[in-house]
Amino acid sequence: FYDGLGELIELMLYSEEEIVHNPKS
C-alpha cells in the first residue's frame, strides 16, 4: 500500500504528464 501510494504521489508531483479530467466519466 505505501509503495503504491508513494508511486502515485510521485507521479502526481513530478511527472510531466498533465492530469486531466476523463471526459467519459
PDB file of all heavy atoms in Angstrom:
ATOM      1  N   PHE A   1       0.828  -1.205   0.000  1.00  0.00           N
ATOM      2  CA  PHE A   1       0.000   0.000   0.000  1.00  0.00           C
ATOM      3  C   PHE A   1       0.867   1.261   0.000  1.00  0.00           C
ATOM      4  O   PHE A   1       0.672   2.158  -0.810  1.00  0.00           O
ATOM      5  CB  PHE A   1      -0.938   0.013   1.210  1.00  0.00           C
ATOM      6  CG  PHE A   1      -1.732   1.273   1.307  1.00  0.00           C
ATOM      7  CD1 PHE A   1      -2.828   1.483   0.480  1.00  0.00           C
ATOM      8  CD2 PHE A   1      -1.380   2.274   2.201  1.00  0.00           C
ATOM      9  CE1 PHE A   1      -3.555   2.653   0.553  1.00  0.00           C
ATOM     10  CE2 PHE A   1      -2.105   3.442   2.280  1.00  0.00           C
ATOM     11  CZ  PHE A   1      -3.197   3.632   1.457  1.00  0.00           C
ATOM     12  N   TYR A   2       1.838   1.319   0.911  1.00  0.00           N
ATOM     13  CA  TYR A   2       2.678   2.512   0.999  1.00  0.00           C
ATOM     14  C   TYR A   2       3.570   2.676  -0.234  1.00  0.00           C
ATOM     15  O   TYR A   2       3.810   3.801  -0.679  1.00  0.00           O
ATOM     16  CB  TYR A   2       3.501   2.509   2.280  1.00  0.00           C
ATOM     17  CG  TYR A   2       2.689   2.895   3.492  1.00  0.00           C
ATOM     18  CD1 TYR A   2       2.616   2.060   4.595  1.00  0.00           C
ATOM     19  CD2 TYR A   2       1.987   4.090   3.533  1.00  0.00           C
ATOM     20  CE1 TYR A   2       1.865   2.412   5.714  1.00  0.00           C
ATOM     21  CE2 TYR A   2       1.230   4.444   4.637  1.00  0.00           C
ATOM     22  CZ  TYR A   2       1.180   3.601   5.719  1.00  0.00           C
ATOM     23  OH  TYR A   2       0.430   3.960   6.821  1.00  0.00           O
ATOM     24  N   ASP A   3       4.044   1.573  -0.812  1.00  0.00           N
ATOM     25  CA  ASP A   3       4.828   1.671  -2.047  1.00  0.00           C
ATOM     26  C   ASP A   3       3.968   2.251  -3.174  1.00  0.00           C
ATOM     27  O   ASP A   3       4.385   3.154  -3.895  1.00  0.00           O
ATOM     28  CB  ASP A   3       5.370   0.300  -2.467  1.00  0.00           C
ATOM     29  CG  ASP A   3       6.515  -0.189  -1.601  1.00  0.00           C
ATOM     30  OD1 ASP A   3       7.044   0.614  -0.793  1.00  0.00           O
ATOM     31  OD2 ASP A   3       6.868  -1.377  -1.728  1.00  0.00           O
ATOM     32  N   GLY A   4       2.752   1.720  -3.324  1.00  0.00           N
ATOM     33  CA  GLY A   4       1.852   2.209  -4.366  1.00  0.00           C
ATOM     34  C   GLY A   4       1.442   3.653  -4.147  1.00  0.00           C
ATOM     35  O   GLY A   4       1.373   4.445  -5.087  1.00  0.00           O
ATOM     36  N   LEU A   5       1.172   4.005  -2.894  1.00  0.00           N
ATOM     37  CA  LEU A   5       0.791   5.380  -2.578  1.00  0.00           C
ATOM     38  C   LEU A   5       1.946   6.341  -2.885  1.00  0.00           C
ATOM     39  O   LEU A   5       1.739   7.399  -3.465  1.00  0.00           O
ATOM     40  CB  LEU A   5       0.392   5.486  -1.107  1.00  0.00           C
ATOM     41  CG  LEU A   5      -0.118   6.837  -0.617  1.00  0.00           C
ATOM     42  CD1 LEU A   5      -1.376   7.247  -1.369  1.00  0.00           C
ATOM     43  CD2 LEU A   5      -0.387   6.783   0.883  1.00  0.00           C
ATOM     44  N   GLY A   6       3.166   5.930  -2.530  1.00  0.00           N
ATOM     45  CA  GLY A   6       4.340   6.753  -2.825  1.00  0.00           C
ATOM     46  C   GLY A   6       4.535   6.956  -4.320  1.00  0.00           C
ATOM     47  O   GLY A   6       4.832   8.067  -4.781  1.00  0.00           O
ATOM     48  N   GLU A   7       4.349   5.887  -5.099  1.00  0.00           N
ATOM     49  CA  GLU A   7       4.468   5.990  -6.560  1.00  0.00           C
ATOM     50  C   GLU A   7       3.412   6.933  -7.129  1.00  0.00           C
ATOM     51  O   GLU A   7       3.698   7.726  -8.025  1.00  0.00           O
ATOM     52  CB  GLU A   7       4.343   4.611  -7.193  1.00  0.00           C
ATOM     53  CG  GLU A   7       5.529   3.720  -6.953  1.00  0.00           C
ATOM     54  CD  GLU A   7       5.316   2.321  -7.501  1.00  0.00           C
ATOM     55  OE1 GLU A   7       4.421   2.132  -8.346  1.00  0.00           O
ATOM     56  OE2 GLU A   7       6.051   1.407  -7.070  1.00  0.00           O
ATOM     57  N   LEU A   8       2.193   6.836  -6.621  1.00  0.00           N
ATOM     58  CA  LEU A   8       1.118   7.702  -7.103  1.00  0.00           C
ATOM     59  C   LEU A   8       1.401   9.168  -6.785  1.00  0.00           C
ATOM     60  O   LEU A   8       1.251  10.041  -7.642  1.00  0.00           O
ATOM     61  CB  LEU A   8      -0.213   7.273  -6.490  1.00  0.00           C
ATOM     62  CG  LEU A   8      -1.434   8.108  -6.866  1.00  0.00           C
ATOM     63  CD1 LEU A   8      -1.695   8.040  -8.364  1.00  0.00           C
ATOM     64  CD2 LEU A   8      -2.653   7.630  -6.099  1.00  0.00           C
ATOM     65  N   ILE A   9       1.830   9.446  -5.574  1.00  0.00           N
ATOM     66  CA  ILE A   9       2.141  10.831  -5.187  1.00  0.00           C
ATOM     67  C   ILE A   9       3.304  11.367  -6.005  1.00  0.00           C
ATOM     68  O   ILE A   9       3.271  12.506  -6.480  1.00  0.00           O
ATOM     69  CB  ILE A   9       2.417  10.920  -3.675  1.00  0.00           C
ATOM     70  CG1 ILE A   9       1.116  10.657  -2.902  1.00  0.00           C
ATOM     71  CG2 ILE A   9       3.018  12.276  -3.307  1.00  0.00           C
ATOM     72  CD1 ILE A   9       1.297  10.510  -1.416  1.00  0.00           C
ATOM     73  N   GLU A  10       4.324  10.529  -6.204  1.00  0.00           N
ATOM     74  CA  GLU A  10       5.470  10.948  -7.010  1.00  0.00           C
ATOM     75  C   GLU A  10       5.037  11.254  -8.444  1.00  0.00           C
ATOM     76  O   GLU A  10       5.455  12.252  -9.035  1.00  0.00           O
ATOM     77  CB  GLU A  10       6.530   9.852  -7.006  1.00  0.00           C
ATOM     78  CG  GLU A  10       7.828  10.278  -7.636  1.00  0.00           C
ATOM     79  CD  GLU A  10       8.922   9.243  -7.425  1.00  0.00           C
ATOM     80  OE1 GLU A  10       9.052   8.718  -6.308  1.00  0.00           O
ATOM     81  OE2 GLU A  10       9.634   8.977  -8.404  1.00  0.00           O
ATOM     82  N   LEU A  11       4.182  10.423  -9.004  1.00  0.00           N
ATOM     83  CA  LEU A  11       3.669  10.651 -10.353  1.00  0.00           C
ATOM     84  C   LEU A  11       2.896  11.966 -10.428  1.00  0.00           C
ATOM     85  O   LEU A  11       3.061  12.744 -11.365  1.00  0.00           O
ATOM     86  CB  LEU A  11       2.774   9.485 -10.777  1.00  0.00           C
ATOM     87  CG  LEU A  11       2.132   9.573 -12.147  1.00  0.00           C
ATOM     88  CD1 LEU A  11       3.195   9.456 -13.232  1.00  0.00           C
ATOM     89  CD2 LEU A  11       1.097   8.473 -12.323  1.00  0.00           C
ATOM     90  N   MET A  12       2.076  12.232  -9.428  1.00  0.00           N
ATOM     91  CA  MET A  12       1.271  13.453  -9.417  1.00  0.00           C
ATOM     92  C   MET A  12       2.139  14.705  -9.274  1.00  0.00           C
ATOM     93  O   MET A  12       1.846  15.734  -9.885  1.00  0.00           O
ATOM     94  CB  MET A  12       0.247  13.392  -8.284  1.00  0.00           C
ATOM     95  CG  MET A  12      -0.834  12.368  -8.513  1.00  0.00           C
ATOM     96  SD  MET A  12      -1.864  12.033  -7.065  1.00  0.00           S
ATOM     97  CE  MET A  12      -2.509  13.636  -6.679  1.00  0.00           C
ATOM     98  N   LEU A  13       3.201  14.612  -8.480  1.00  0.00           N
ATOM     99  CA  LEU A  13       4.011  15.796  -8.201  1.00  0.00           C
ATOM    100  C   LEU A  13       5.119  16.044  -9.211  1.00  0.00           C
ATOM    101  O   LEU A  13       5.456  17.198  -9.487  1.00  0.00           O
ATOM    102  CB  LEU A  13       4.626  15.686  -6.800  1.00  0.00           C
ATOM    103  CG  LEU A  13       3.652  15.730  -5.634  1.00  0.00           C
ATOM    104  CD1 LEU A  13       4.390  15.521  -4.319  1.00  0.00           C
ATOM    105  CD2 LEU A  13       2.899  17.044  -5.608  1.00  0.00           C
ATOM    106  N   TYR A  14       5.693  14.992  -9.760  1.00  0.00           N
ATOM    107  CA  TYR A  14       6.906  15.168 -10.552  1.00  0.00           C
ATOM    108  C   TYR A  14       6.798  14.742 -12.007  1.00  0.00           C
ATOM    109  O   TYR A  14       7.750  14.874 -12.760  1.00  0.00           O
ATOM    110  CB  TYR A  14       8.070  14.412  -9.888  1.00  0.00           C
ATOM    111  CG  TYR A  14       8.308  14.872  -8.473  1.00  0.00           C
ATOM    112  CD1 TYR A  14       8.030  14.040  -7.392  1.00  0.00           C
ATOM    113  CD2 TYR A  14       8.775  16.155  -8.213  1.00  0.00           C
ATOM    114  CE1 TYR A  14       8.231  14.464  -6.097  1.00  0.00           C
ATOM    115  CE2 TYR A  14       8.967  16.585  -6.910  1.00  0.00           C
ATOM    116  CZ  TYR A  14       8.698  15.737  -5.865  1.00  0.00           C
ATOM    117  OH  TYR A  14       8.892  16.171  -4.586  1.00  0.00           O
ATOM    118  N   SER A  15       5.676  14.243 -12.418  1.00  0.00           N
ATOM    119  CA  SER A  15       5.516  13.812 -13.796  1.00  0.00           C
ATOM    120  C   SER A  15       5.237  15.008 -14.705  1.00  0.00           C
ATOM    121  O   SER A  15       4.589  15.972 -14.306  1.00  0.00           O
ATOM    122  CB  SER A  15       4.363  12.812 -13.903  1.00  0.00           C
ATOM    123  OG  SER A  15       4.123  12.484 -15.255  1.00  0.00           O
ATOM    124  N   GLU A  16       5.734  14.926 -15.910  1.00  0.00           N
ATOM    125  CA  GLU A  16       5.458  15.961 -16.906  1.00  0.00           C
ATOM    126  C   GLU A  16       4.067  15.768 -17.513  1.00  0.00           C
ATOM    127  O   GLU A  16       3.565  16.657 -18.186  1.00  0.00           O
ATOM    128  CB  GLU A  16       6.521  15.917 -18.013  1.00  0.00           C
ATOM    129  CG  GLU A  16       7.918  16.215 -17.520  1.00  0.00           C
ATOM    130  CD  GLU A  16       8.072  17.629 -16.964  1.00  0.00           C
ATOM    131  OE1 GLU A  16       7.479  18.560 -17.537  1.00  0.00           O
ATOM    132  OE2 GLU A  16       8.761  17.782 -15.945  1.00  0.00           O
ATOM    133  N   GLU A  17       3.477  14.606 -17.254  1.00  0.00           N
ATOM    134  CA  GLU A  17       2.161  14.307 -17.802  1.00  0.00           C
ATOM    135  C   GLU A  17       1.100  15.155 -17.102  1.00  0.00           C
ATOM    136  O   GLU A  17       1.038  15.211 -15.877  1.00  0.00           O
ATOM    137  CB  GLU A  17       1.842  12.827 -17.615  1.00  0.00           C
ATOM    138  CG  GLU A  17       0.563  12.402 -18.275  1.00  0.00           C
ATOM    139  CD  GLU A  17       0.336  10.905 -18.142  1.00  0.00           C
ATOM    140  OE1 GLU A  17       1.313  10.157 -17.976  1.00  0.00           O
ATOM    141  OE2 GLU A  17      -0.820  10.496 -18.208  1.00  0.00           O
ATOM    142  N   GLU A  18       0.283  15.818 -17.880  1.00  0.00           N
ATOM    143  CA  GLU A  18      -0.763  16.668 -17.335  1.00  0.00           C
ATOM    144  C   GLU A  18      -1.911  15.804 -16.804  1.00  0.00           C
ATOM    145  O   GLU A  18      -2.304  14.822 -17.433  1.00  0.00           O
ATOM    146  CB  GLU A  18      -1.293  17.605 -18.417  1.00  0.00           C
ATOM    147  CG  GLU A  18      -2.322  18.584 -17.938  1.00  0.00           C
ATOM    148  CD  GLU A  18      -2.797  19.523 -19.041  1.00  0.00           C
ATOM    149  OE1 GLU A  18      -2.260  19.488 -20.143  1.00  0.00           O
ATOM    150  OE2 GLU A  18      -3.737  20.292 -18.767  1.00  0.00           O
ATOM    151  N   ILE A  19      -2.431  16.154 -15.654  1.00  0.00           N
ATOM    152  CA  ILE A  19      -3.579  15.459 -15.083  1.00  0.00           C
ATOM    153  C   ILE A  19      -4.830  16.142 -15.616  1.00  0.00           C
ATOM    154  O   ILE A  19      -5.044  17.335 -15.399  1.00  0.00           O
ATOM    155  CB  ILE A  19      -3.548  15.501 -13.542  1.00  0.00           C
ATOM    156  CG1 ILE A  19      -2.295  14.807 -13.030  1.00  0.00           C
ATOM    157  CG2 ILE A  19      -4.808  14.865 -12.968  1.00  0.00           C
ATOM    158  CD1 ILE A  19      -2.078  14.947 -11.544  1.00  0.00           C
ATOM    159  N   VAL A  20      -5.646  15.389 -16.343  1.00  0.00           N
ATOM    160  CA  VAL A  20      -6.841  15.959 -16.967  1.00  0.00           C
ATOM    161  C   VAL A  20      -8.065  15.129 -16.586  1.00  0.00           C
ATOM    162  O   VAL A  20      -7.966  13.953 -16.252  1.00  0.00           O
ATOM    163  CB  VAL A  20      -6.718  16.020 -18.508  1.00  0.00           C
ATOM    164  CG1 VAL A  20      -5.609  16.972 -18.918  1.00  0.00           C
ATOM    165  CG2 VAL A  20      -6.476  14.657 -19.093  1.00  0.00           C
ATOM    166  N   HIS A  21      -9.193  15.757 -16.652  1.00  0.00           N
ATOM    167  CA  HIS A  21     -10.463  15.103 -16.366  1.00  0.00           C
ATOM    168  C   HIS A  21     -10.805  14.131 -17.495  1.00  0.00           C
ATOM    169  O   HIS A  21     -10.650  14.452 -18.669  1.00  0.00           O
ATOM    170  CB  HIS A  21     -11.554  16.166 -16.232  1.00  0.00           C
ATOM    171  CG  HIS A  21     -12.929  15.618 -16.026  1.00  0.00           C
ATOM    172  ND1 HIS A  21     -13.329  15.078 -14.840  1.00  0.00           N
ATOM    173  CD2 HIS A  21     -13.983  15.515 -16.853  1.00  0.00           C
ATOM    174  CE1 HIS A  21     -14.583  14.672 -14.941  1.00  0.00           C
ATOM    175  NE2 HIS A  21     -14.998  14.931 -16.156  1.00  0.00           N
ATOM    176  N   ASN A  22     -11.280  12.963 -17.140  1.00  0.00           N
ATOM    177  CA  ASN A  22     -11.715  11.987 -18.137  1.00  0.00           C
ATOM    178  C   ASN A  22     -13.079  12.429 -18.658  1.00  0.00           C
ATOM    179  O   ASN A  22     -14.061  12.443 -17.916  1.00  0.00           O
ATOM    180  CB  ASN A  22     -11.814  10.601 -17.502  1.00  0.00           C
ATOM    181  CG  ASN A  22     -12.281   9.547 -18.476  1.00  0.00           C
ATOM    182  OD1 ASN A  22     -12.709   9.831 -19.592  1.00  0.00           O
ATOM    183  ND2 ASN A  22     -12.208   8.302 -18.049  1.00  0.00           N
ATOM    184  N   PRO A  23     -13.171  12.786 -19.941  1.00  0.00           N
ATOM    185  CA  PRO A  23     -14.451  13.292 -20.468  1.00  0.00           C
ATOM    186  C   PRO A  23     -15.569  12.252 -20.460  1.00  0.00           C
ATOM    187  O   PRO A  23     -16.738  12.606 -20.501  1.00  0.00           O
ATOM    188  CB  PRO A  23     -14.115  13.723 -21.890  1.00  0.00           C
ATOM    189  CG  PRO A  23     -12.869  12.994 -22.238  1.00  0.00           C
ATOM    190  CD  PRO A  23     -12.133  12.746 -20.948  1.00  0.00           C
ATOM    191  N   LYS A  24     -15.231  10.965 -20.381  1.00  0.00           N
ATOM    192  CA  LYS A  24     -16.242   9.907 -20.353  1.00  0.00           C
ATOM    193  C   LYS A  24     -16.748   9.633 -18.937  1.00  0.00           C
ATOM    194  O   LYS A  24     -17.682   8.877 -18.754  1.00  0.00           O
ATOM    195  CB  LYS A  24     -15.669   8.625 -20.942  1.00  0.00           C
ATOM    196  CG  LYS A  24     -15.342   8.738 -22.419  1.00  0.00           C
ATOM    197  CD  LYS A  24     -14.772   7.444 -22.929  1.00  0.00           C
ATOM    198  CE  LYS A  24     -14.399   7.580 -24.396  1.00  0.00           C
ATOM    199  NZ  LYS A  24     -13.799   6.341 -24.906  1.00  0.00           N
ATOM    200  N   SER A  25     -16.130  10.238 -17.938  1.00  0.00           N
ATOM    201  CA  SER A  25     -16.511   9.993 -16.552  1.00  0.00           C
ATOM    202  C   SER A  25     -17.880  10.583 -16.248  1.00  0.00           C
ATOM    203  O   SER A  25     -18.194  11.698 -16.621  1.00  0.00           O
ATOM    204  CB  SER A  25     -15.473  10.622 -15.622  1.00  0.00           C
ATOM    205  OG  SER A  25     -15.915  10.547 -14.290  1.00  0.00           O
TER     206      SER A  25
END
